[in-house]
Amino acid sequence: MPASQLCAYETSAKQPSAAMLARLLAVAGLDLLAATPELDRLRQGQELADVLGLVDAMPAVEAAPSPAFGPFKAMIRR
């Protein structure tokens, strides 16, 4: 593997395929585990952090004032 490719993986410029990740882990003496409850929780936590990051990046918009009594306002006699 070219050093530039490994560097791209290390710096998150590129993501290895599952097969390449398994090969890299095998060189380090590790196995690529199938989904486990802990890995699933970590993935869900990362997804939540990603969504919250998007929410933080959205511009703030003031909500339009809602009319009193909503759609029933026309039914009220004064």
C-alpha atoms as a PDB file:
ATOM      1  CA  MET A   1       0.000   0.000   0.000  1.00  0.00           C
ATOM      2  CA  PRO A   2       1.402   3.416  -0.874  1.00  0.00           C
ATOM      3  CA  ALA A   3       2.260   5.584   2.111  1.00  0.00           C
ATOM      4  CA  SER A   4       0.037   8.347   0.688  1.00  0.00           C
ATOM      5  CA  GLN A   5      -2.996   6.036   0.846  1.00  0.00           C
ATOM      6  CA  LEU A   6      -2.277   5.065   4.450  1.00  0.00           C
ATOM      7  CA  CYS A   7      -1.803   8.739   5.329  1.00  0.00           C
ATOM      8  CA  ALA A   8      -5.175   9.547   3.734  1.00  0.00           C
ATOM      9  CA  TYR A   9      -6.815   6.916   5.954  1.00  0.00           C
ATOM     10  CA  GLU A  10      -5.022   8.186   9.056  1.00  0.00           C
ATOM     11  CA  THR A  11      -6.084  11.788   8.443  1.00  0.00           C
ATOM     12  CA  SER A  12      -9.658  10.841   7.467  1.00  0.00           C
ATOM     13  CA  ALA A  13      -9.180  12.280   3.995  1.00  0.00           C
ATOM     14  CA  LYS A  14     -10.378   8.891   2.700  1.00  0.00           C
ATOM     15  CA  GLN A  15     -12.166   5.958   4.264  1.00  0.00           C
ATOM     16  CA  PRO A  16     -11.004   2.415   3.562  1.00  0.00           C
ATOM     17  CA  SER A  17     -13.434  -0.166   2.272  1.00  0.00           C
ATOM     18  CA  ALA A  18     -14.501  -2.863   4.704  1.00  0.00           C
ATOM     19  CA  ALA A  19     -12.133  -5.309   2.994  1.00  0.00           C
ATOM     20  CA  MET A  20      -9.197  -2.899   3.254  1.00  0.00           C
ATOM     21  CA  LEU A  21     -10.024  -2.142   6.886  1.00  0.00           C
ATOM     22  CA  ALA A  22     -10.052  -5.875   7.628  1.00  0.00           C
ATOM     23  CA  ARG A  23      -6.636  -6.224   5.955  1.00  0.00           C
ATOM     24  CA  LEU A  24      -5.182  -3.303   7.911  1.00  0.00           C
ATOM     25  CA  LEU A  25      -6.521  -4.676  11.182  1.00  0.00           C
ATOM     26  CA  ALA A  26      -5.168  -8.145  10.374  1.00  0.00           C
ATOM     27  CA  VAL A  27      -1.682  -6.656   9.949  1.00  0.00           C
ATOM     28  CA  ALA A  28      -2.064  -5.191  13.456  1.00  0.00           C
ATOM     29  CA  GLY A  29      -3.193  -8.579  14.783  1.00  0.00           C
ATOM     30  CA  LEU A  30      -6.835  -7.553  15.202  1.00  0.00           C
ATOM     31  CA  ASP A  31     -10.115  -8.782  13.734  1.00  0.00           C
ATOM     32  CA  LEU A  32     -12.878  -6.733  12.185  1.00  0.00           C
ATOM     33  CA  LEU A  33     -15.818  -7.476  14.474  1.00  0.00           C
ATOM     34  CA  ALA A  34     -19.365  -7.904  13.303  1.00  0.00           C
ATOM     35  CA  ALA A  35     -21.855  -5.453  14.770  1.00  0.00           C
ATOM     36  CA  THR A  36     -22.100  -5.759  18.518  1.00  0.00           C
ATOM     37  CA  PRO A  37     -24.433  -3.893  20.856  1.00  0.00           C
ATOM     38  CA  GLU A  38     -21.563  -1.669  21.990  1.00  0.00           C
ATOM     39  CA  LEU A  39     -20.470  -0.843  18.443  1.00  0.00           C
ATOM     40  CA  ASP A  40     -24.100  -0.156  17.540  1.00  0.00           C
ATOM     41  CA  ARG A  41     -24.426   2.261  20.496  1.00  0.00           C
ATOM     42  CA  LEU A  42     -21.231   4.011  19.425  1.00  0.00           C
ATOM     43  CA  ARG A  43     -22.555   4.334  15.866  1.00  0.00           C
ATOM     44  CA  GLN A  44     -25.878   5.701  17.113  1.00  0.00           C
ATOM     45  CA  GLY A  45     -24.066   8.148  19.368  1.00  0.00           C
ATOM     46  CA  GLN A  46     -21.995   9.376  16.445  1.00  0.00           C
ATOM     47  CA  GLU A  47     -25.116   9.771  14.298  1.00  0.00           C
ATOM     48  CA  LEU A  48     -26.771  11.788  17.080  1.00  0.00           C
ATOM     49  CA  ALA A  49     -23.679  13.988  17.400  1.00  0.00           C
ATOM     50  CA  ASP A  50     -23.711  14.527  13.624  1.00  0.00           C
ATOM     51  CA  VAL A  51     -27.385  15.550  13.662  1.00  0.00           C
ATOM     52  CA  LEU A  52     -26.884  17.887  16.618  1.00  0.00           C
ATOM     53  CA  GLY A  53     -23.922  19.421  14.802  1.00  0.00           C
ATOM     54  CA  LEU A  54     -26.169  20.111  11.808  1.00  0.00           C
ATOM     55  CA  VAL A  55     -28.779  21.685  14.068  1.00  0.00           C
ATOM     56  CA  ASP A  56     -26.142  23.940  15.633  1.00  0.00           C
ATOM     57  CA  ALA A  57     -24.969  24.979  12.162  1.00  0.00           C
ATOM     58  CA  MET A  58     -28.458  26.015  11.024  1.00  0.00           C
ATOM     59  CA  PRO A  59     -29.218  29.734  11.153  1.00  0.00           C
ATOM     60  CA  ALA A  60     -31.630  30.793  13.860  1.00  0.00           C
ATOM     61  CA  VAL A  61     -35.040  31.776  12.539  1.00  0.00           C
ATOM     62  CA  GLU A  62     -37.647  33.411  14.721  1.00  0.00           C
ATOM     63  CA  ALA A  63     -40.982  31.631  14.580  1.00  0.00           C
ATOM     64  CA  ALA A  64     -43.908  33.592  13.224  1.00  0.00           C
ATOM     65  CA  PRO A  65     -46.378  34.485  15.967  1.00  0.00           C
ATOM     66  CA  SER A  66     -49.277  32.079  15.972  1.00  0.00           C
ATOM     67  CA  PRO A  67     -52.758  33.618  15.878  1.00  0.00           C
ATOM     68  CA  ALA A  68     -54.772  33.461  19.077  1.00  0.00           C
ATOM     69  CA  PHE A  69     -56.982  30.364  19.140  1.00  0.00           C
ATOM     70  CA  GLY A  70     -55.523  29.146  15.842  1.00  0.00           C
ATOM     71  CA  PRO A  71     -58.123  28.197  13.220  1.00  0.00           C
ATOM     72  CA  PHE A  72     -60.992  28.721  15.700  1.00  0.00           C
ATOM     73  CA  LYS A  73     -60.470  32.491  15.933  1.00  0.00           C
ATOM     74  CA  ALA A  74     -63.131  33.171  13.274  1.00  0.00           C
ATOM     75  CA  MET A  75     -65.737  31.278  15.344  1.00  0.00           C
ATOM     76  CA  ILE A  76     -65.380  33.529  18.389  1.00  0.00           C
ATOM     77  CA  ARG A  77     -67.941  36.305  18.736  1.00  0.00           C
ATOM     78  CA  ARG A  78     -67.023  39.504  20.488  1.00  0.00           C
END
